[in-house]
Amino acid sequence: MQKVQTNLAALSTAAGAVWSEQVGNLRSALTKLQSAVSTLATQRNASSVSGVVTAVGGVSAAARQLLDAANPSCPSPSVSSGSSPS
């Protein structure tokens, strides 16, 4: 998670104000995910698992918004996780 946040900070610096809203949304979603994972580590129950699943969905949506915003400038965005596009 730390590496993702570091890379996101570098992207934010490089992009300046161009994608600031999308970067901010992704940063917020990552913070929520980190919080949900921390909660799961101390409270192992269905509600905590649900919180992580919801937070992962938020990260996915925010990342997609950033990729969509970057698409005109970077015509071939790809996710490096090895997952196939949906």
PDB file of N, CA and C in Angstrom:
ATOM      1  N   MET A   1       0.834  -1.183   0.000  1.00  0.00           N
ATOM      2  CA  MET A   1       0.000   0.000   0.000  1.00  0.00           C
ATOM      3  C   MET A   1       0.881   1.250   0.000  1.00  0.00           C
ATOM      4  N   GLN A   2       1.985   1.199   0.742  1.00  0.00           N
ATOM      5  CA  GLN A   2       2.868   2.361   0.823  1.00  0.00           C
ATOM      6  C   GLN A   2       3.442   2.709  -0.546  1.00  0.00           C
ATOM      7  N   LYS A   3       3.822   1.689  -1.321  1.00  0.00           N
ATOM      8  CA  LYS A   3       4.381   1.949  -2.646  1.00  0.00           C
ATOM      9  C   LYS A   3       3.341   2.600  -3.565  1.00  0.00           C
ATOM     10  N   VAL A   4       2.106   2.156  -3.470  1.00  0.00           N
ATOM     11  CA  VAL A   4       1.027   2.751  -4.276  1.00  0.00           C
ATOM     12  C   VAL A   4       0.857   4.213  -3.909  1.00  0.00           C
ATOM     13  N   GLN A   5       0.851   4.506  -2.605  1.00  0.00           N
ATOM     14  CA  GLN A   5       0.695   5.892  -2.175  1.00  0.00           C
ATOM     15  C   GLN A   5       1.883   6.749  -2.601  1.00  0.00           C
ATOM     16  N   THR A   6       3.082   6.182  -2.556  1.00  0.00           N
ATOM     17  CA  THR A   6       4.274   6.910  -3.006  1.00  0.00           C
ATOM     18  C   THR A   6       4.191   7.202  -4.502  1.00  0.00           C
ATOM     19  N   ASN A   7       3.800   6.212  -5.277  1.00  0.00           N
ATOM     20  CA  ASN A   7       3.673   6.404  -6.726  1.00  0.00           C
ATOM     21  C   ASN A   7       2.561   7.397  -7.059  1.00  0.00           C
ATOM     22  N   LEU A   8       1.487   7.373  -6.292  1.00  0.00           N
ATOM     23  CA  LEU A   8       0.394   8.310  -6.510  1.00  0.00           C
ATOM     24  C   LEU A   8       0.848   9.742  -6.205  1.00  0.00           C
ATOM     25  N   ALA A   9       1.656   9.907  -5.172  1.00  0.00           N
ATOM     26  CA  ALA A   9       2.191  11.232  -4.847  1.00  0.00           C
ATOM     27  C   ALA A   9       3.087  11.729  -5.977  1.00  0.00           C
ATOM     28  N   ALA A  10       3.894  10.843  -6.542  1.00  0.00           N
ATOM     29  CA  ALA A  10       4.754  11.223  -7.663  1.00  0.00           C
ATOM     30  C   ALA A  10       3.919  11.609  -8.879  1.00  0.00           C
ATOM     31  N   LEU A  11       2.868  10.858  -9.144  1.00  0.00           N
ATOM     32  CA  LEU A  11       1.970  11.189 -10.259  1.00  0.00           C
ATOM     33  C   LEU A  11       1.319  12.545 -10.031  1.00  0.00           C
ATOM     34  N   SER A  12       0.882  12.784  -8.823  1.00  0.00           N
ATOM     35  CA  SER A  12       0.247  14.060  -8.483  1.00  0.00           C
ATOM     36  C   SER A  12       1.191  15.229  -8.727  1.00  0.00           C
ATOM     37  N   THR A  13       2.426  15.059  -8.327  1.00  0.00           N
ATOM     38  CA  THR A  13       3.433  16.107  -8.536  1.00  0.00           C
ATOM     39  C   THR A  13       3.680  16.324 -10.024  1.00  0.00           C
ATOM     40  N   ALA A  14       3.825  15.231 -10.761  1.00  0.00           N
ATOM     41  CA  ALA A  14       4.112  15.328 -12.195  1.00  0.00           C
ATOM     42  C   ALA A  14       2.932  15.914 -12.971  1.00  0.00           C
ATOM     43  N   ALA A  15       1.730  15.554 -12.586  1.00  0.00           N
ATOM     44  CA  ALA A  15       0.548  15.998 -13.335  1.00  0.00           C
ATOM     45  C   ALA A  15       0.091  17.392 -12.932  1.00  0.00           C
ATOM     46  N   GLY A  16       0.503  17.849 -11.774  1.00  0.00           N
ATOM     47  CA  GLY A  16       0.055  19.158 -11.309  1.00  0.00           C
ATOM     48  C   GLY A  16      -1.447  19.160 -11.116  1.00  0.00           C
ATOM     49  N   ALA A  17      -2.104  20.166 -11.638  1.00  0.00           N
ATOM     50  CA  ALA A  17      -3.553  20.313 -11.456  1.00  0.00           C
ATOM     51  C   ALA A  17      -4.366  19.537 -12.484  1.00  0.00           C
ATOM     52  N   VAL A  18      -3.689  18.916 -13.450  1.00  0.00           N
ATOM     53  CA  VAL A  18      -4.400  18.271 -14.557  1.00  0.00           C
ATOM     54  C   VAL A  18      -5.405  17.227 -14.074  1.00  0.00           C
ATOM     55  N   TRP A  19      -4.985  16.314 -13.219  1.00  0.00           N
ATOM     56  CA  TRP A  19      -5.863  15.256 -12.732  1.00  0.00           C
ATOM     57  C   TRP A  19      -6.004  15.336 -11.214  1.00  0.00           C
ATOM     58  N   SER A  20      -5.919  16.520 -10.662  1.00  0.00           N
ATOM     59  CA  SER A  20      -5.894  16.652  -9.200  1.00  0.00           C
ATOM     60  C   SER A  20      -7.152  16.090  -8.534  1.00  0.00           C
ATOM     61  N   GLU A  21      -8.305  16.277  -9.145  1.00  0.00           N
ATOM     62  CA  GLU A  21      -9.536  15.740  -8.556  1.00  0.00           C
ATOM     63  C   GLU A  21      -9.507  14.217  -8.518  1.00  0.00           C
ATOM     64  N   GLN A  22      -9.109  13.605  -9.619  1.00  0.00           N
ATOM     65  CA  GLN A  22      -9.068  12.150  -9.697  1.00  0.00           C
ATOM     66  C   GLN A  22      -7.999  11.577  -8.768  1.00  0.00           C
ATOM     67  N   VAL A  23      -6.845  12.224  -8.710  1.00  0.00           N
ATOM     68  CA  VAL A  23      -5.786  11.769  -7.807  1.00  0.00           C
ATOM     69  C   VAL A  23      -6.259  11.887  -6.358  1.00  0.00           C
ATOM     70  N   GLY A  24      -6.919  12.982  -6.030  1.00  0.00           N
ATOM     71  CA  GLY A  24      -7.455  13.161  -4.687  1.00  0.00           C
ATOM     72  C   GLY A  24      -8.479  12.097  -4.331  1.00  0.00           C
ATOM     73  N   ASN A  25      -9.336  11.762  -5.287  1.00  0.00           N
ATOM     74  CA  ASN A  25     -10.337  10.711  -5.059  1.00  0.00           C
ATOM     75  C   ASN A  25      -9.667   9.359  -4.816  1.00  0.00           C
ATOM     76  N   LEU A  26      -8.629   9.070  -5.589  1.00  0.00           N
ATOM     77  CA  LEU A  26      -7.914   7.808  -5.418  1.00  0.00           C
ATOM     78  C   LEU A  26      -7.177   7.793  -4.079  1.00  0.00           C
ATOM     79  N   ARG A  27      -6.574   8.897  -3.725  1.00  0.00           N
ATOM     80  CA  ARG A  27      -5.876   8.995  -2.436  1.00  0.00           C
ATOM     81  C   ARG A  27      -6.866   8.740  -1.296  1.00  0.00           C
ATOM     82  N   SER A  28      -8.044   9.344  -1.378  1.00  0.00           N
ATOM     83  CA  SER A  28      -9.073   9.154  -0.360  1.00  0.00           C
ATOM     84  C   SER A  28      -9.531   7.696  -0.301  1.00  0.00           C
ATOM     85  N   ALA A  29      -9.723   7.088  -1.447  1.00  0.00           N
ATOM     86  CA  ALA A  29     -10.154   5.686  -1.497  1.00  0.00           C
ATOM     87  C   ALA A  29      -9.087   4.769  -0.896  1.00  0.00           C
ATOM     88  N   LEU A  30      -7.825   5.062  -1.153  1.00  0.00           N
ATOM     89  CA  LEU A  30      -6.745   4.257  -0.579  1.00  0.00           C
ATOM     90  C   LEU A  30      -6.696   4.407   0.939  1.00  0.00           C
ATOM     91  N   THR A  31      -6.938   5.610   1.424  1.00  0.00           N
ATOM     92  CA  THR A  31      -6.974   5.838   2.870  1.00  0.00           C
ATOM     93  C   THR A  31      -8.107   5.038   3.504  1.00  0.00           C
ATOM     94  N   LYS A  32      -9.263   5.013   2.848  1.00  0.00           N
ATOM     95  CA  LYS A  32     -10.399   4.235   3.360  1.00  0.00           C
ATOM     96  C   LYS A  32     -10.073   2.747   3.357  1.00  0.00           C
ATOM     97  N   LEU A  33      -9.376   2.286   2.319  1.00  0.00           N
ATOM     98  CA  LEU A  33      -8.986   0.878   2.264  1.00  0.00           C
ATOM     99  C   LEU A  33      -8.017   0.548   3.392  1.00  0.00           C
ATOM    100  N   GLN A  34      -7.047   1.410   3.604  1.00  0.00           N
ATOM    101  CA  GLN A  34      -6.079   1.181   4.672  1.00  0.00           C
ATOM    102  C   GLN A  34      -6.784   1.110   6.033  1.00  0.00           C
ATOM    103  N   SER A  35      -7.732   1.983   6.237  1.00  0.00           N
ATOM    104  CA  SER A  35      -8.500   1.980   7.479  1.00  0.00           C
ATOM    105  C   SER A  35      -9.318   0.693   7.617  1.00  0.00           C
ATOM    106  N   ALA A  36      -9.944   0.273   6.537  1.00  0.00           N
ATOM    107  CA  ALA A  36     -10.756  -0.946   6.566  1.00  0.00           C
ATOM    108  C   ALA A  36      -9.897  -2.173   6.846  1.00  0.00           C
ATOM    109  N   VAL A  37      -8.715  -2.227   6.269  1.00  0.00           N
ATOM    110  CA  VAL A  37      -7.806  -3.353   6.511  1.00  0.00           C
ATOM    111  C   VAL A  37      -7.339  -3.342   7.967  1.00  0.00           C
ATOM    112  N   SER A  38      -7.053  -2.170   8.496  1.00  0.00           N
ATOM    113  CA  SER A  38      -6.656  -2.070   9.906  1.00  0.00           C
ATOM    114  C   SER A  38      -7.769  -2.547  10.818  1.00  0.00           C
ATOM    115  N   THR A  39      -8.995  -2.183  10.491  1.00  0.00           N
ATOM    116  CA  THR A  39     -10.144  -2.636  11.282  1.00  0.00           C
ATOM    117  C   THR A  39     -10.268  -4.154  11.213  1.00  0.00           C
ATOM    118  N   LEU A  40     -10.089  -4.707  10.023  1.00  0.00           N
ATOM    119  CA  LEU A  40     -10.175  -6.156   9.855  1.00  0.00           C
ATOM    120  C   LEU A  40      -9.103  -6.869  10.676  1.00  0.00           C
ATOM    121  N   ALA A  41      -7.932  -6.276  10.788  1.00  0.00           N
ATOM    122  CA  ALA A  41      -6.846  -6.890  11.545  1.00  0.00           C
ATOM    123  C   ALA A  41      -7.193  -7.025  13.025  1.00  0.00           C
ATOM    124  N   THR A  42      -8.017  -6.133  13.532  1.00  0.00           N
ATOM    125  CA  THR A  42      -8.365  -6.170  14.963  1.00  0.00           C
ATOM    126  C   THR A  42      -9.766  -6.705  15.232  1.00  0.00           C
ATOM    127  N   GLN A  43     -10.624  -6.643  14.228  1.00  0.00           N
ATOM    128  CA  GLN A  43     -12.014  -7.107  14.394  1.00  0.00           C
ATOM    129  C   GLN A  43     -12.353  -8.060  13.261  1.00  0.00           C
ATOM    130  N   ARG A  44     -12.053  -9.304  13.465  1.00  0.00           N
ATOM    131  CA  ARG A  44     -12.265 -10.299  12.406  1.00  0.00           C
ATOM    132  C   ARG A  44     -13.707 -10.787  12.424  1.00  0.00           C
ATOM    133  N   ASN A  45     -14.525 -10.061  11.671  1.00  0.00           N
ATOM    134  CA  ASN A  45     -15.936 -10.425  11.579  1.00  0.00           C
ATOM    135  C   ASN A  45     -16.465 -10.057  10.193  1.00  0.00           C
ATOM    136  N   ALA A  46     -17.684 -10.448   9.926  1.00  0.00           N
ATOM    137  CA  ALA A  46     -18.277 -10.229   8.604  1.00  0.00           C
ATOM    138  C   ALA A  46     -18.377  -8.750   8.252  1.00  0.00           C
ATOM    139  N   SER A  47     -18.658  -7.939   9.230  1.00  0.00           N
ATOM    140  CA  SER A  47     -18.781  -6.502   8.976  1.00  0.00           C
ATOM    141  C   SER A  47     -17.443  -5.908   8.523  1.00  0.00           C
ATOM    142  N   SER A  48     -16.363  -6.351   9.139  1.00  0.00           N
ATOM    143  CA  SER A  48     -15.033  -5.859   8.759  1.00  0.00           C
ATOM    144  C   SER A  48     -14.651  -6.326   7.361  1.00  0.00           C
ATOM    145  N   VAL A  49     -14.976  -7.577   7.050  1.00  0.00           N
ATOM    146  CA  VAL A  49     -14.705  -8.097   5.698  1.00  0.00           C
ATOM    147  C   VAL A  49     -15.496  -7.293   4.677  1.00  0.00           C
ATOM    148  N   SER A  50     -16.750  -7.026   4.980  1.00  0.00           N
ATOM    149  CA  SER A  50     -17.589  -6.236   4.090  1.00  0.00           C
ATOM    150  C   SER A  50     -16.999  -4.837   3.879  1.00  0.00           C
ATOM    151  N   GLY A  51     -16.459  -4.263   4.945  1.00  0.00           N
ATOM    152  CA  GLY A  51     -15.831  -2.951   4.839  1.00  0.00           C
ATOM    153  C   GLY A  51     -14.639  -2.955   3.899  1.00  0.00           C
ATOM    154  N   VAL A  52     -13.846  -4.024   3.945  1.00  0.00           N
ATOM    155  CA  VAL A  52     -12.696  -4.143   3.042  1.00  0.00           C
ATOM    156  C   VAL A  52     -13.172  -4.300   1.598  1.00  0.00           C
ATOM    157  N   VAL A  53     -14.177  -5.137   1.398  1.00  0.00           N
ATOM    158  CA  VAL A  53     -14.706  -5.346   0.040  1.00  0.00           C
ATOM    159  C   VAL A  53     -15.234  -4.026  -0.532  1.00  0.00           C
ATOM    160  N   THR A  54     -15.966  -3.291   0.271  1.00  0.00           N
ATOM    161  CA  THR A  54     -16.494  -1.999  -0.165  1.00  0.00           C
ATOM    162  C   THR A  54     -15.351  -1.037  -0.493  1.00  0.00           C
ATOM    163  N   ALA A  55     -14.332  -1.014   0.351  1.00  0.00           N
ATOM    164  CA  ALA A  55     -13.198  -0.112   0.136  1.00  0.00           C
ATOM    165  C   ALA A  55     -12.416  -0.485  -1.126  1.00  0.00           C
ATOM    166  N   VAL A  56     -12.261  -1.776  -1.380  1.00  0.00           N
ATOM    167  CA  VAL A  56     -11.590  -2.214  -2.614  1.00  0.00           C
ATOM    168  C   VAL A  56     -12.380  -1.743  -3.836  1.00  0.00           C
ATOM    169  N   GLY A  57     -13.693  -1.833  -3.755  1.00  0.00           N
ATOM    170  CA  GLY A  57     -14.535  -1.331  -4.846  1.00  0.00           C
ATOM    171  C   GLY A  57     -14.341   0.164  -5.055  1.00  0.00           C
ATOM    172  N   GLY A  58     -14.190   0.900  -3.961  1.00  0.00           N
ATOM    173  CA  GLY A  58     -13.938   2.336  -4.062  1.00  0.00           C
ATOM    174  C   GLY A  58     -12.608   2.655  -4.716  1.00  0.00           C
ATOM    175  N   VAL A  59     -11.587   1.867  -4.382  1.00  0.00           N
ATOM    176  CA  VAL A  59     -10.269   2.058  -5.005  1.00  0.00           C
ATOM    177  C   VAL A  59     -10.359   1.753  -6.493  1.00  0.00           C
ATOM    178  N   SER A  60     -11.047   0.679  -6.824  1.00  0.00           N
ATOM    179  CA  SER A  60     -11.203   0.306  -8.232  1.00  0.00           C
ATOM    180  C   SER A  60     -11.908   1.403  -9.021  1.00  0.00           C
ATOM    181  N   ALA A  61     -12.990   1.934  -8.470  1.00  0.00           N
ATOM    182  CA  ALA A  61     -13.741   2.990  -9.158  1.00  0.00           C
ATOM    183  C   ALA A  61     -12.902   4.256  -9.303  1.00  0.00           C
ATOM    184  N   ALA A  62     -12.177   4.628  -8.251  1.00  0.00           N
ATOM    185  CA  ALA A  62     -11.349   5.835  -8.310  1.00  0.00           C
ATOM    186  C   ALA A  62     -10.191   5.667  -9.295  1.00  0.00           C
ATOM    187  N   ALA A  63      -9.606   4.473  -9.326  1.00  0.00           N
ATOM    188  CA  ALA A  63      -8.525   4.215 -10.282  1.00  0.00           C
ATOM    189  C   ALA A  63      -9.053   4.281 -11.720  1.00  0.00           C
ATOM    190  N   ARG A  64     -10.238   3.748 -11.943  1.00  0.00           N
ATOM    191  CA  ARG A  64     -10.847   3.789 -13.284  1.00  0.00           C
ATOM    192  C   ARG A  64     -11.110   5.231 -13.697  1.00  0.00           C
ATOM    193  N   GLN A  65     -11.586   6.056 -12.765  1.00  0.00           N
ATOM    194  CA  GLN A  65     -11.826   7.474 -13.076  1.00  0.00           C
ATOM    195  C   GLN A  65     -10.520   8.172 -13.461  1.00  0.00           C
ATOM    196  N   LEU A  66      -9.452   7.852 -12.756  1.00  0.00           N
ATOM    197  CA  LEU A  66      -8.152   8.453 -13.081  1.00  0.00           C
ATOM    198  C   LEU A  66      -7.678   7.985 -14.457  1.00  0.00           C
ATOM    199  N   LEU A  67      -7.805   6.696 -14.725  1.00  0.00           N
ATOM    200  CA  LEU A  67      -7.402   6.182 -16.042  1.00  0.00           C
ATOM    201  C   LEU A  67      -8.242   6.799 -17.160  1.00  0.00           C
ATOM    202  N   ASP A  68      -9.539   6.949 -16.917  1.00  0.00           N
ATOM    203  CA  ASP A  68     -10.409   7.565 -17.922  1.00  0.00           C
ATOM    204  C   ASP A  68     -10.023   9.019 -18.171  1.00  0.00           C
ATOM    205  N   ALA A  69      -9.665   9.730 -17.101  1.00  0.00           N
ATOM    206  CA  ALA A  69      -9.248  11.128 -17.252  1.00  0.00           C
ATOM    207  C   ALA A  69      -7.921  11.228 -17.989  1.00  0.00           C
ATOM    208  N   ALA A  70      -7.040  10.258 -17.749  1.00  0.00           N
ATOM    209  CA  ALA A  70      -5.723  10.268 -18.385  1.00  0.00           C
ATOM    210  C   ALA A  70      -5.775   9.771 -19.822  1.00  0.00           C
ATOM    211  N   ASN A  71      -6.819   9.073 -20.179  1.00  0.00           N
ATOM    212  CA  ASN A  71      -6.919   8.447 -21.496  1.00  0.00           C
ATOM    213  C   ASN A  71      -6.640   9.389 -22.671  1.00  0.00           C
ATOM    214  N   PRO A  72      -7.195  10.607 -22.709  1.00  0.00           N
ATOM    215  CA  PRO A  72      -6.889  11.486 -23.840  1.00  0.00           C
ATOM    216  C   PRO A  72      -5.405  11.838 -23.958  1.00  0.00           C
ATOM    217  N   SER A  73      -4.714  11.916 -22.824  1.00  0.00           N
ATOM    218  CA  SER A  73      -3.290  12.247 -22.841  1.00  0.00           C
ATOM    219  C   SER A  73      -2.417  11.020 -22.994  1.00  0.00           C
ATOM    220  N   CYS A  74      -2.917   9.900 -22.525  1.00  0.00           N
ATOM    221  CA  CYS A  74      -2.180   8.632 -22.552  1.00  0.00           C
ATOM    222  C   CYS A  74      -3.095   7.592 -23.170  1.00  0.00           C
ATOM    223  N   PRO A  75      -3.121   7.459 -24.473  1.00  0.00           N
ATOM    224  CA  PRO A  75      -4.133   6.655 -25.133  1.00  0.00           C
ATOM    225  C   PRO A  75      -4.150   5.169 -24.800  1.00  0.00           C
ATOM    226  N   SER A  76      -3.125   4.632 -24.166  1.00  0.00           N
ATOM    227  CA  SER A  76      -3.131   3.193 -23.860  1.00  0.00           C
ATOM    228  C   SER A  76      -2.895   2.927 -22.388  1.00  0.00           C
ATOM    229  N   PRO A  77      -3.766   3.416 -21.500  1.00  0.00           N
ATOM    230  CA  PRO A  77      -3.552   3.126 -20.074  1.00  0.00           C
ATOM    231  C   PRO A  77      -3.801   1.652 -19.808  1.00  0.00           C
ATOM    232  N   SER A  78      -3.017   1.103 -18.907  1.00  0.00           N
ATOM    233  CA  SER A  78      -3.224  -0.294 -18.550  1.00  0.00           C
ATOM    234  C   SER A  78      -2.951  -0.464 -17.060  1.00  0.00           C
ATOM    235  N   VAL A  79      -3.610  -1.438 -16.506  1.00  0.00           N
ATOM    236  CA  VAL A  79      -3.410  -1.750 -15.097  1.00  0.00           C
ATOM    237  C   VAL A  79      -2.299  -2.774 -15.037  1.00  0.00           C
ATOM    238  N   SER A  80      -1.313  -2.539 -14.196  1.00  0.00           N
ATOM    239  CA  SER A  80      -0.152  -3.407 -14.154  1.00  0.00           C
ATOM    240  C   SER A  80      -0.319  -4.613 -13.253  1.00  0.00           C
ATOM    241  N   SER A  81      -1.508  -4.828 -12.709  1.00  0.00           N
ATOM    242  CA  SER A  81      -1.722  -5.949 -11.791  1.00  0.00           C
ATOM    243  C   SER A  81      -1.853  -7.276 -12.527  1.00  0.00           C
ATOM    244  N   GLY A  82      -1.920  -7.244 -13.840  1.00  0.00           N
ATOM    245  CA  GLY A  82      -2.058  -8.462 -14.604  1.00  0.00           C
ATOM    246  C   GLY A  82      -3.506  -8.864 -14.825  1.00  0.00           C
ATOM    247  N   SER A  83      -4.430  -8.083 -14.282  1.00  0.00           N
ATOM    248  CA  SER A  83      -5.835  -8.409 -14.481  1.00  0.00           C
ATOM    249  C   SER A  83      -6.282  -7.972 -15.864  1.00  0.00           C
ATOM    250  N   SER A  84      -7.213  -8.685 -16.401  1.00  0.00           N
ATOM    251  CA  SER A  84      -7.693  -8.353 -17.729  1.00  0.00           C
ATOM    252  C   SER A  84      -8.744  -7.262 -17.639  1.00  0.00           C
ATOM    253  N   PRO A  85      -8.862  -6.417 -18.661  1.00  0.00           N
ATOM    254  CA  PRO A  85      -9.871  -5.357 -18.652  1.00  0.00           C
ATOM    255  C   PRO A  85     -11.271  -5.946 -18.660  1.00  0.00           C
ATOM    256  N   SER A  86     -12.201  -5.217 -18.041  1.00  0.00           N
ATOM    257  CA  SER A  86     -13.571  -5.723 -18.001  1.00  0.00           C
ATOM    258  C   SER A  86     -14.399  -5.188 -19.119  1.00  0.00           C
TER     259      SER A  86
END
